Amino acid sequence: MGKCDACGNEYAHSFEVSMDGRRFVFDCFECAIDKLAPSCESCGVQIIGHGLEQQGSLFCCASCARRAGATALRDNA
C-alpha cells in the first residue's frame, strides 16, 4: 500500500510516477496532475496536454502565449 504524495491517502492501488529523477506515489490521476502538471504563465491553468513553450515559458494555448508577448507560437489546427 502506498501513501499519496499529494493528499497523504494510503491506498492499495496507488501508482508511481518518475519525473526528473524523482519518484512520486499517487492514489489517483487527479493528485498526480495537481502535484506535477506545470501551470500556464498567462492564466495559471494547469497544463495537462502538450501546451506551448517559448524560451522556457509554458502556456496552455496560443492565445495565452500572445497575451504574454510570445507572438510566434500557434495552436495546431
N, C-alpha and C. Protein backbone atom coordinates (compact mmCIF):
# COMPACT_ATOMS: atom_id res chain seq x y z
N MET A 1 0.85 -1.18 0.00
CA MET A 1 0.00 0.00 0.00
C MET A 1 0.90 1.23 0.00
N GLY A 2 0.60 2.15 -0.90
CA GLY A 2 1.38 3.37 -0.99
C GLY A 2 0.65 4.57 -0.42
N LYS A 3 1.42 5.55 0.02
CA LYS A 3 0.86 6.78 0.56
C LYS A 3 1.01 7.88 -0.48
N CYS A 4 -0.10 8.53 -0.85
CA CYS A 4 -0.11 9.55 -1.88
C CYS A 4 0.74 10.76 -1.46
N ASP A 5 1.63 11.18 -2.36
CA ASP A 5 2.48 12.34 -2.10
C ASP A 5 1.73 13.66 -2.17
N ALA A 6 0.51 13.66 -2.70
CA ALA A 6 -0.26 14.90 -2.78
C ALA A 6 -1.23 15.05 -1.62
N CYS A 7 -1.99 13.99 -1.30
CA CYS A 7 -3.04 14.12 -0.29
C CYS A 7 -2.80 13.30 0.97
N GLY A 8 -1.81 12.39 0.92
CA GLY A 8 -1.50 11.59 2.10
C GLY A 8 -2.34 10.34 2.27
N ASN A 9 -3.28 10.08 1.37
CA ASN A 9 -4.12 8.90 1.45
C ASN A 9 -3.30 7.63 1.24
N GLU A 10 -3.53 6.64 2.07
CA GLU A 10 -2.91 5.33 1.88
C GLU A 10 -3.88 4.48 1.09
N TYR A 11 -3.42 3.94 -0.05
CA TYR A 11 -4.32 3.28 -0.99
C TYR A 11 -3.66 2.04 -1.56
N ALA A 12 -4.39 0.94 -1.58
CA ALA A 12 -3.85 -0.34 -2.06
C ALA A 12 -3.53 -0.32 -3.55
N HIS A 13 -4.18 0.54 -4.31
CA HIS A 13 -3.98 0.59 -5.75
C HIS A 13 -3.24 1.85 -6.18
N SER A 14 -2.34 2.31 -5.34
CA SER A 14 -1.54 3.50 -5.68
C SER A 14 -0.61 3.17 -6.84
N PHE A 15 -0.05 4.21 -7.45
CA PHE A 15 0.87 4.03 -8.56
C PHE A 15 2.03 5.00 -8.42
N GLU A 16 3.12 4.70 -9.11
CA GLU A 16 4.33 5.52 -9.05
C GLU A 16 4.54 6.26 -10.36
N VAL A 17 5.09 7.46 -10.24
CA VAL A 17 5.49 8.26 -11.39
C VAL A 17 6.92 8.70 -11.15
N SER A 18 7.78 8.52 -12.16
CA SER A 18 9.15 9.02 -12.10
C SER A 18 9.25 10.25 -12.99
N MET A 19 9.81 11.33 -12.44
CA MET A 19 9.92 12.57 -13.20
C MET A 19 11.17 13.32 -12.75
N ASP A 20 12.02 13.64 -13.69
CA ASP A 20 13.25 14.38 -13.41
C ASP A 20 14.09 13.71 -12.32
N GLY A 21 14.15 12.37 -12.37
CA GLY A 21 14.97 11.63 -11.42
C GLY A 21 14.35 11.46 -10.05
N ARG A 22 13.12 11.90 -9.88
CA ARG A 22 12.42 11.76 -8.59
C ARG A 22 11.27 10.78 -8.73
N ARG A 23 10.92 10.11 -7.65
CA ARG A 23 9.83 9.13 -7.64
C ARG A 23 8.69 9.67 -6.78
N PHE A 24 7.48 9.60 -7.31
CA PHE A 24 6.28 10.05 -6.62
C PHE A 24 5.28 8.90 -6.54
N VAL A 25 4.47 8.88 -5.50
CA VAL A 25 3.40 7.90 -5.34
C VAL A 25 2.08 8.66 -5.28
N PHE A 26 1.08 8.18 -6.03
CA PHE A 26 -0.24 8.83 -6.06
C PHE A 26 -1.34 7.79 -5.93
N ASP A 27 -2.48 8.24 -5.40
CA ASP A 27 -3.63 7.36 -5.30
C ASP A 27 -4.61 7.57 -6.46
N CYS A 28 -4.43 8.65 -7.25
CA CYS A 28 -5.31 8.91 -8.40
C CYS A 28 -4.60 9.89 -9.34
N PHE A 29 -5.12 9.96 -10.57
CA PHE A 29 -4.54 10.87 -11.55
C PHE A 29 -4.75 12.33 -11.15
N GLU A 30 -5.86 12.62 -10.50
CA GLU A 30 -6.14 13.98 -10.05
C GLU A 30 -5.01 14.50 -9.15
N CYS A 31 -4.55 13.68 -8.21
CA CYS A 31 -3.46 14.09 -7.32
C CYS A 31 -2.15 14.24 -8.09
N ALA A 32 -1.91 13.34 -9.06
CA ALA A 32 -0.69 13.43 -9.87
C ALA A 32 -0.67 14.72 -10.66
N ILE A 33 -1.78 15.08 -11.27
CA ILE A 33 -1.88 16.32 -12.03
C ILE A 33 -1.67 17.52 -11.12
N ASP A 34 -2.33 17.50 -9.97
CA ASP A 34 -2.21 18.62 -9.03
C ASP A 34 -0.77 18.84 -8.60
N LYS A 35 -0.03 17.77 -8.39
CA LYS A 35 1.34 17.86 -7.90
C LYS A 35 2.36 18.15 -9.01
N LEU A 36 2.15 17.58 -10.22
CA LEU A 36 3.20 17.60 -11.23
C LEU A 36 2.96 18.45 -12.46
N ALA A 37 1.71 18.73 -12.81
CA ALA A 37 1.45 19.47 -14.06
C ALA A 37 1.93 20.92 -13.94
N PRO A 38 2.61 21.41 -14.97
CA PRO A 38 3.03 22.82 -14.95
C PRO A 38 1.84 23.74 -15.13
N SER A 39 2.00 24.99 -14.78
CA SER A 39 0.93 25.98 -14.92
C SER A 39 1.25 26.95 -16.05
N CYS A 40 0.20 27.40 -16.73
CA CYS A 40 0.33 28.40 -17.80
C CYS A 40 0.83 29.71 -17.18
N GLU A 41 1.82 30.31 -17.82
CA GLU A 41 2.38 31.55 -17.30
C GLU A 41 1.44 32.74 -17.45
N SER A 42 0.43 32.60 -18.30
CA SER A 42 -0.50 33.71 -18.52
C SER A 42 -1.74 33.60 -17.65
N CYS A 43 -2.43 32.46 -17.69
CA CYS A 43 -3.71 32.34 -16.98
C CYS A 43 -3.65 31.48 -15.72
N GLY A 44 -2.56 30.72 -15.55
CA GLY A 44 -2.38 29.93 -14.35
C GLY A 44 -3.00 28.54 -14.37
N VAL A 45 -3.75 28.19 -15.43
CA VAL A 45 -4.37 26.87 -15.50
C VAL A 45 -3.27 25.80 -15.58
N GLN A 46 -3.52 24.64 -14.99
CA GLN A 46 -2.54 23.56 -15.09
C GLN A 46 -2.59 22.96 -16.49
N ILE A 47 -1.44 22.75 -17.09
CA ILE A 47 -1.34 22.25 -18.46
C ILE A 47 -1.29 20.73 -18.41
N ILE A 48 -2.37 20.11 -18.88
CA ILE A 48 -2.45 18.65 -18.86
C ILE A 48 -2.05 18.08 -20.22
N GLY A 49 -2.29 18.82 -21.29
CA GLY A 49 -1.92 18.38 -22.63
C GLY A 49 -0.50 18.81 -22.97
N HIS A 50 -0.24 18.97 -24.25
CA HIS A 50 1.10 19.33 -24.70
C HIS A 50 1.49 20.75 -24.36
N GLY A 51 0.56 21.67 -24.46
CA GLY A 51 0.88 23.07 -24.18
C GLY A 51 1.84 23.64 -25.22
N LEU A 52 2.29 24.83 -24.99
CA LEU A 52 3.23 25.52 -25.87
C LEU A 52 4.36 26.08 -25.02
N GLU A 53 5.56 26.15 -25.60
CA GLU A 53 6.71 26.65 -24.86
C GLU A 53 7.53 27.57 -25.73
N GLN A 54 7.95 28.67 -25.16
CA GLN A 54 8.88 29.58 -25.83
C GLN A 54 9.85 30.12 -24.80
N GLN A 55 11.12 29.91 -25.06
CA GLN A 55 12.20 30.39 -24.19
C GLN A 55 11.95 30.05 -22.72
N GLY A 56 11.54 28.81 -22.46
CA GLY A 56 11.34 28.34 -21.10
C GLY A 56 10.02 28.71 -20.46
N SER A 57 9.20 29.50 -21.16
CA SER A 57 7.87 29.86 -20.65
C SER A 57 6.85 28.89 -21.21
N LEU A 58 5.95 28.38 -20.34
CA LEU A 58 4.93 27.42 -20.74
C LEU A 58 3.56 28.08 -20.78
N PHE A 59 2.79 27.74 -21.81
CA PHE A 59 1.45 28.30 -21.99
C PHE A 59 0.48 27.19 -22.35
N CYS A 60 -0.79 27.36 -21.96
CA CYS A 60 -1.81 26.35 -22.27
C CYS A 60 -2.30 26.46 -23.71
N CYS A 61 -2.19 27.64 -24.32
CA CYS A 61 -2.67 27.84 -25.69
C CYS A 61 -1.98 29.06 -26.31
N ALA A 62 -2.15 29.22 -27.62
CA ALA A 62 -1.52 30.34 -28.32
C ALA A 62 -2.08 31.69 -27.86
N SER A 63 -3.34 31.73 -27.50
CA SER A 63 -3.94 32.98 -27.02
C SER A 63 -3.21 33.48 -25.77
N CYS A 64 -2.96 32.57 -24.83
CA CYS A 64 -2.23 32.96 -23.61
C CYS A 64 -0.79 33.34 -23.94
N ALA A 65 -0.19 32.64 -24.88
CA ALA A 65 1.18 32.96 -25.29
C ALA A 65 1.25 34.37 -25.86
N ARG A 66 0.30 34.71 -26.74
CA ARG A 66 0.28 36.06 -27.33
C ARG A 66 0.08 37.13 -26.26
N ARG A 67 -0.79 36.84 -25.30
CA ARG A 67 -1.04 37.80 -24.20
C ARG A 67 0.25 38.08 -23.42
N ALA A 68 1.14 37.09 -23.38
CA ALA A 68 2.40 37.25 -22.66
C ALA A 68 3.53 37.73 -23.56
N GLY A 69 3.21 38.02 -24.84
CA GLY A 69 4.23 38.54 -25.75
C GLY A 69 4.93 37.51 -26.59
N ALA A 70 4.56 36.25 -26.51
CA ALA A 70 5.17 35.20 -27.33
C ALA A 70 4.35 35.06 -28.61
N THR A 71 4.58 35.96 -29.57
CA THR A 71 3.73 36.07 -30.74
C THR A 71 4.00 35.03 -31.82
N ALA A 72 5.10 34.31 -31.77
CA ALA A 72 5.43 33.34 -32.82
C ALA A 72 4.75 31.99 -32.62
N LEU A 73 4.18 31.74 -31.45
CA LEU A 73 3.56 30.44 -31.19
C LEU A 73 2.16 30.36 -31.77
N ARG A 74 1.82 29.17 -32.28
CA ARG A 74 0.50 28.92 -32.86
C ARG A 74 -0.05 27.61 -32.32
N ASP A 75 -1.38 27.55 -32.14
CA ASP A 75 -2.03 26.27 -31.83
C ASP A 75 -2.03 25.41 -33.07
N ASN A 76 -1.99 24.08 -32.90
CA ASN A 76 -2.10 23.18 -34.04
C ASN A 76 -3.55 23.20 -34.54
N ALA A 77 -3.69 23.19 -35.86
CA ALA A 77 -5.05 23.20 -36.44
C ALA A 77 -5.52 21.81 -36.72
